[in-house]
Amino acid sequence: MNHAPTHTPHHGASHGHHHEHAMDGQAEILDLDAEVLAEHTASITAWLPLQTAPRHIVDLGCGTGAGTFALLDRFPDAHVTAVDASPEHLQRLRTKACTLGVQERIRTVQADLDETAWPDLGSPDLVWASASMHHMAHPDRALRTVYDTLMPGGLFAVVELAGHPRFLPENAPEDRPGLEERVHAAADRRQAEHMPHRGADWGPMLTAAGFTIEGERTIAVNLDGTRSEAIGRYATGVLQRIRSVIADRLSPEDLTALDQLLDTSSPHSILRRDDLTVRTERTVWAARRN
């Protein structure tokens, strides 16, 4: 699951046209996203309405492997084909797999999923797509391709984000209260221009592609920032990446206040705040091929 902001996902894919917009630091944010939200990812894998334990899983838009490793943990007899457009992400995933000793259970495939012809992904009994479907230029076509790829009776899990996570209280910072909401509003407007399906309701599109919806669940995330020092680094990374694409859309006062939060040497730095949280929502659809 990936919240990597703006043109890239985390949650977790960079496909085709959007890959050129990828910025430095995305892989680190995806790794932090995986660490901070590990419990929520595990709860989704545990919820999936599977008839039998899957043996072959495809992770579409795998990023640096948040979903891949959660699925390997959940299904110890399965192997995963991890697909992404980014060679850097796939290299990180392979390095992690070696560290964890699960490299024999993973095959990586570099592919642009906006291409008409997808690589041969075998016949999986579970396909997982977390924060990646909204990157597709032609999501309807991609959904039909997934349907055709799955084994009959197989399950497709689509996870979608409600938006970038929030970290600050509404009245923060003191000199520019509401700053984060204004930053997010600018980011959402920019995002809508490039990824109109971000935050979409995938249910009707899955049904139109032939799937039967077996379940839908929305998970609210609300984590206290004091439980992990990674949350401060995660907040800094996410907001830095948002800043890099919306700086021209902020008022000078808001930009100054944001830069103070992002300056790790400043007394106003996010890393020095004791009121950080991670607040977000994600929705998962479980769809079966008949």
Protein backbone atom coordinates (compact mmCIF):
# COMPACT_ATOMS: atom_id res chain seq x y z
CA MET A 1 0.00 0.00 0.00
CA ASN A 2 1.55 3.13 -0.94
CA HIS A 3 0.91 6.72 -0.26
CA ALA A 4 3.87 8.01 -2.21
CA PRO A 5 2.54 11.35 -3.21
CA THR A 6 1.48 13.05 -6.32
CA HIS A 7 2.38 11.28 -9.55
CA THR A 8 3.63 8.02 -8.11
CA PRO A 9 1.78 5.73 -5.57
CA HIS A 10 1.70 3.75 -2.03
CA HIS A 11 1.75 3.01 -2.01
CA GLY A 12 3.26 1.65 -5.20
CA ALA A 13 3.54 1.91 -8.95
CA SER A 14 4.94 4.17 -11.51
CA HIS A 15 3.59 3.33 -14.92
CA GLY A 16 4.35 4.82 -18.28
CA HIS A 17 3.64 8.51 -18.56
CA HIS A 18 3.68 9.01 -14.82
CA HIS A 19 7.11 7.51 -14.33
CA GLU A 20 8.75 10.58 -15.84
CA HIS A 21 7.30 12.60 -12.97
CA ALA A 22 8.84 10.34 -10.33
CA MET A 23 11.04 12.29 -7.96
CA ASP A 24 13.95 11.47 -5.73
CA GLY A 25 13.01 9.90 -2.46
CA GLN A 26 9.96 7.95 -3.57
CA ALA A 27 11.51 4.59 -2.74
CA GLU A 28 12.40 5.75 0.78
CA ILE A 29 8.82 6.95 1.33
CA LEU A 30 7.43 3.65 0.10
CA ASP A 31 9.68 1.83 2.58
CA LEU A 32 8.52 4.11 5.42
CA ASP A 33 4.90 3.69 4.33
CA ALA A 34 5.35 -0.09 4.55
CA GLU A 35 6.87 0.20 8.03
CA VAL A 36 4.38 2.67 9.48
CA LEU A 37 1.26 0.98 8.06
CA ALA A 38 2.35 -2.66 8.37
CA GLU A 39 -0.42 -3.59 10.82
CA HIS A 40 -3.11 -2.20 8.53
CA THR A 41 -1.71 -3.99 5.49
CA ALA A 42 -1.65 -7.23 7.47
CA SER A 43 -5.27 -6.72 8.52
CA ILE A 44 -6.29 -6.42 4.85
CA THR A 45 -4.46 -9.60 3.84
CA ALA A 46 -6.13 -11.40 6.76
CA TRP A 47 -9.58 -10.16 5.69
CA LEU A 48 -9.43 -11.35 2.07
CA PRO A 49 -12.35 -13.76 1.37
CA LEU A 50 -10.26 -16.58 -0.08
CA GLN A 51 -11.71 -20.02 -0.68
CA THR A 52 -8.29 -21.68 -0.42
CA ALA A 53 -4.84 -20.38 0.38
CA PRO A 54 -3.32 -18.94 -2.81
CA ARG A 55 -0.24 -20.56 -4.29
CA HIS A 56 0.61 -17.98 -6.96
CA ILE A 57 0.07 -14.27 -6.28
CA VAL A 58 0.69 -11.34 -8.63
CA ASP A 59 1.42 -7.94 -7.05
CA LEU A 60 0.65 -5.29 -9.69
CA GLY A 61 2.55 -2.06 -9.15
CA CYS A 62 4.48 -3.61 -6.28
CA GLY A 63 6.68 -0.59 -5.51
CA THR A 64 9.37 -1.59 -3.05
CA GLY A 65 7.35 -4.57 -1.82
CA ALA A 66 4.97 -3.53 0.98
CA GLY A 67 2.25 -5.80 -0.34
CA THR A 68 4.60 -8.48 -1.62
CA PHE A 69 6.14 -9.14 1.79
CA ALA A 70 2.82 -8.86 3.65
CA LEU A 71 1.35 -11.48 1.31
CA LEU A 72 4.35 -13.79 1.70
CA ASP A 73 3.95 -13.51 5.48
CA ARG A 74 0.24 -14.25 5.31
CA PHE A 75 0.53 -17.14 2.86
CA PRO A 76 3.71 -19.10 3.67
CA ASP A 77 3.20 -21.59 0.81
CA ALA A 78 2.72 -18.95 -1.88
CA HIS A 79 5.11 -17.36 -4.31
CA VAL A 80 4.69 -13.84 -5.69
CA THR A 81 5.27 -12.33 -9.11
CA ALA A 82 6.04 -8.67 -8.34
CA VAL A 83 5.43 -6.25 -11.23
CA ASP A 84 6.48 -2.61 -11.46
CA ALA A 85 7.73 -0.12 -14.04
CA SER A 86 10.60 1.09 -11.85
CA PRO A 87 13.88 -0.87 -11.93
CA GLU A 88 14.97 0.92 -8.73
CA HIS A 89 11.89 -0.27 -6.86
CA LEU A 90 12.34 -3.83 -8.07
CA GLN A 91 16.02 -3.82 -7.09
CA ARG A 92 15.10 -2.66 -3.57
CA LEU A 93 12.48 -5.38 -3.39
CA ARG A 94 15.00 -8.06 -4.41
CA THR A 95 17.53 -6.79 -1.86
CA LYS A 96 14.90 -6.95 0.89
CA ALA A 97 13.87 -10.42 -0.24
CA CYS A 98 17.46 -11.64 0.14
CA THR A 99 17.72 -10.05 3.60
CA LEU A 100 14.51 -11.82 4.64
CA GLY A 101 15.53 -15.09 3.01
CA VAL A 102 12.46 -15.26 0.74
CA GLN A 103 14.14 -14.57 -2.61
CA GLU A 104 13.22 -18.06 -3.85
CA ARG A 105 9.55 -17.18 -3.46
CA ILE A 106 9.62 -13.99 -5.55
CA ARG A 107 9.91 -13.31 -9.27
CA THR A 108 10.21 -9.67 -10.34
CA VAL A 109 8.92 -8.38 -13.67
CA GLN A 110 9.65 -4.89 -14.97
CA ALA A 111 6.71 -3.81 -17.12
CA ASP A 112 4.66 -0.77 -18.11
CA LEU A 113 1.12 -1.92 -17.46
CA ASP A 114 -0.25 0.72 -19.82
CA GLU A 115 1.18 -1.29 -22.70
CA THR A 116 -1.45 -3.16 -24.68
CA ALA A 117 0.37 -6.48 -24.32
CA TRP A 118 1.21 -7.42 -20.74
CA PRO A 119 4.05 -9.82 -19.95
CA ASP A 120 3.14 -13.43 -19.21
CA LEU A 121 2.23 -13.45 -15.53
CA GLY A 122 1.12 -17.07 -15.40
CA SER A 123 -2.28 -18.02 -13.95
CA PRO A 124 -2.39 -16.59 -10.43
CA ASP A 125 -5.13 -17.39 -7.97
CA LEU A 126 -4.73 -13.98 -6.29
CA VAL A 127 -3.90 -10.62 -7.85
CA TRP A 128 -3.13 -7.69 -5.51
CA ALA A 129 -3.10 -4.05 -6.64
CA SER A 130 -2.52 -1.51 -3.89
CA ALA A 131 -2.56 2.18 -4.84
CA SER A 132 -1.60 1.21 -8.37
CA MET A 133 -4.79 0.97 -10.43
CA HIS A 134 -5.24 4.75 -10.41
CA HIS A 135 -1.95 5.06 -12.30
CA MET A 136 -3.36 3.24 -15.30
CA ALA A 137 -4.09 5.34 -18.37
CA HIS A 138 -6.76 2.78 -19.36
CA PRO A 139 -7.98 1.17 -16.13
CA ASP A 140 -10.99 -0.53 -17.76
CA ARG A 141 -8.66 -2.37 -20.13
CA ALA A 142 -6.33 -3.25 -17.25
CA LEU A 143 -9.21 -4.69 -15.22
CA ARG A 144 -10.25 -6.92 -18.13
CA THR A 145 -6.65 -8.07 -18.52
CA VAL A 146 -6.52 -9.01 -14.83
CA TYR A 147 -9.79 -10.90 -15.22
CA ASP A 148 -8.37 -12.89 -18.14
CA THR A 149 -5.11 -13.54 -16.25
CA LEU A 150 -6.69 -14.91 -13.06
CA MET A 151 -7.52 -18.55 -12.66
CA PRO A 152 -11.30 -19.20 -12.63
CA GLY A 153 -12.44 -18.62 -9.07
CA GLY A 154 -9.39 -16.46 -8.38
CA LEU A 155 -9.55 -13.24 -6.38
CA PHE A 156 -8.51 -9.70 -7.28
CA ALA A 157 -7.83 -7.35 -4.34
CA VAL A 158 -7.85 -3.63 -5.21
CA VAL A 159 -6.74 -1.18 -2.52
CA GLU A 160 -7.39 2.52 -3.07
CA LEU A 161 -6.32 5.52 -1.01
CA ALA A 162 -8.58 8.33 0.14
CA GLY A 163 -5.74 10.79 -0.45
CA HIS A 164 -2.42 11.72 1.09
CA PRO A 165 -2.15 11.00 4.81
CA ARG A 166 -2.56 13.87 7.28
CA PHE A 167 -0.03 14.40 10.03
CA LEU A 168 -0.67 17.74 11.78
CA PRO A 169 -3.46 19.04 14.03
CA GLU A 170 -5.92 21.37 12.29
CA ASN A 171 -4.66 24.39 14.24
CA ALA A 172 -1.01 23.83 13.26
CA PRO A 173 1.35 25.50 12.82
CA GLU A 174 0.59 28.34 15.21
CA ASP A 175 1.37 31.11 12.74
CA ARG A 176 -0.44 29.48 9.77
CA PRO A 177 -3.26 27.29 11.17
CA GLY A 178 -4.83 24.97 8.61
CA LEU A 179 -1.65 24.87 6.53
CA GLU A 180 -1.78 21.14 5.90
CA GLU A 181 -5.33 21.24 4.55
CA ARG A 182 -4.37 23.99 2.09
CA VAL A 183 -1.31 22.01 1.01
CA HIS A 184 -3.45 18.92 0.47
CA ALA A 185 -6.10 20.84 -1.43
CA ALA A 186 -3.44 22.11 -3.85
CA ALA A 187 -1.99 18.60 -4.19
CA ASP A 188 -5.43 17.08 -4.82
CA ARG A 189 -6.17 19.59 -7.58
CA ARG A 190 -2.85 18.86 -9.22
CA GLN A 191 -3.33 15.12 -8.84
CA ALA A 192 -6.79 15.21 -10.42
CA GLU A 193 -5.23 16.65 -13.58
CA HIS A 194 -2.83 13.70 -13.92
CA MET A 195 -4.62 10.79 -12.24
CA PRO A 196 -8.40 11.18 -12.50
CA HIS A 197 -9.00 7.72 -11.03
CA ARG A 198 -7.19 8.34 -7.76
CA GLY A 199 -9.70 7.80 -4.96
CA ALA A 200 -12.16 6.16 -7.39
CA ASP A 201 -14.92 3.73 -6.47
CA TRP A 202 -13.60 0.61 -8.18
CA GLY A 203 -16.69 -1.47 -7.48
CA PRO A 204 -18.70 -0.57 -10.62
CA MET A 205 -15.61 -0.82 -12.83
CA LEU A 206 -14.77 -4.27 -11.45
CA THR A 207 -18.34 -5.43 -12.06
CA ALA A 208 -18.24 -4.04 -15.61
CA ALA A 209 -15.06 -6.05 -16.23
CA GLY A 210 -16.89 -9.26 -15.29
CA PHE A 211 -15.90 -9.62 -11.64
CA THR A 212 -18.24 -10.47 -8.77
CA ILE A 213 -17.63 -8.26 -5.73
CA GLU A 214 -17.17 -10.56 -2.74
CA GLY A 215 -16.47 -7.86 -0.18
CA GLU A 216 -15.62 -4.20 0.35
CA ARG A 217 -14.02 -2.71 3.42
CA THR A 218 -12.78 0.74 4.41
CA ILE A 219 -10.00 0.95 6.97
CA ALA A 220 -9.42 4.14 8.92
CA VAL A 221 -5.83 4.71 10.00
CA ASN A 222 -5.13 6.90 13.04
CA LEU A 223 -1.69 6.34 14.50
CA ASP A 224 -0.10 8.29 17.34
CA GLY A 225 3.19 9.74 16.17
CA THR A 226 4.90 8.95 19.46
CA ARG A 227 4.72 5.20 18.81
CA SER A 228 7.38 5.28 16.10
CA GLU A 229 10.16 7.69 15.20
CA ALA A 230 9.59 6.61 11.58
CA ILE A 231 6.36 8.65 11.56
CA GLY A 232 8.27 11.94 11.73
CA ARG A 233 10.49 10.88 8.81
CA TYR A 234 7.43 9.64 6.92
CA ALA A 235 5.62 12.97 7.42
CA THR A 236 8.70 14.91 6.35
CA GLY A 237 9.19 12.80 3.24
CA VAL A 238 5.56 12.94 2.14
CA LEU A 239 5.27 16.70 2.63
CA GLN A 240 8.61 17.34 0.92
CA ARG A 241 7.45 15.47 -2.15
CA ILE A 242 4.12 17.28 -2.18
CA ARG A 243 5.95 20.60 -1.86
CA SER A 244 8.11 19.78 -4.88
CA VAL A 245 5.09 19.79 -7.18
CA ILE A 246 2.77 22.40 -5.63
CA ALA A 247 5.16 25.13 -4.43
CA ASP A 248 3.92 27.43 -7.20
CA ARG A 249 0.33 26.98 -5.99
CA LEU A 250 0.91 28.08 -2.39
CA SER A 251 0.90 31.60 -0.99
CA PRO A 252 4.34 32.92 0.00
CA GLU A 253 3.29 32.77 3.66
CA ASP A 254 2.19 29.14 3.42
CA LEU A 255 5.35 28.19 1.55
CA THR A 256 7.52 29.78 4.24
CA ALA A 257 5.60 27.98 7.00
CA LEU A 258 5.86 24.66 5.15
CA ASP A 259 9.59 25.11 4.65
CA GLN A 260 10.03 25.73 8.39
CA LEU A 261 8.25 22.43 9.10
CA LEU A 262 10.46 20.63 6.59
CA ASP A 263 13.73 22.15 7.80
CA THR A 264 15.06 19.43 10.07
CA SER A 265 17.41 21.91 11.76
CA SER A 266 14.59 24.37 12.55
CA PRO A 267 12.97 24.55 16.00
CA HIS A 268 9.67 24.37 14.04
CA SER A 269 10.64 21.10 12.31
CA ILE A 270 8.06 18.33 12.10
CA LEU A 271 10.65 16.08 13.78
CA ARG A 272 10.45 18.23 16.92
CA ARG A 273 6.66 18.12 17.23
CA ASP A 274 5.01 15.87 19.81
CA ASP A 275 1.53 16.04 18.27
CA LEU A 276 2.05 14.15 15.00
CA THR A 277 -0.41 11.48 13.89
CA VAL A 278 -0.94 9.49 10.72
CA ARG A 279 -4.56 9.85 9.59
CA THR A 280 -5.81 8.32 6.37
CA GLU A 281 -8.30 5.89 4.89
CA ARG A 282 -7.99 3.10 2.41
CA THR A 283 -10.71 1.01 0.81
CA VAL A 284 -10.26 -2.54 -0.42
CA TRP A 285 -12.46 -4.41 -2.89
CA ALA A 286 -12.27 -8.19 -3.16
CA ALA A 287 -13.50 -9.26 -6.59
CA ARG A 288 -13.78 -12.82 -7.87
CA ARG A 289 -13.41 -14.15 -11.39
CA ASN A 290 -16.40 -16.43 -11.96
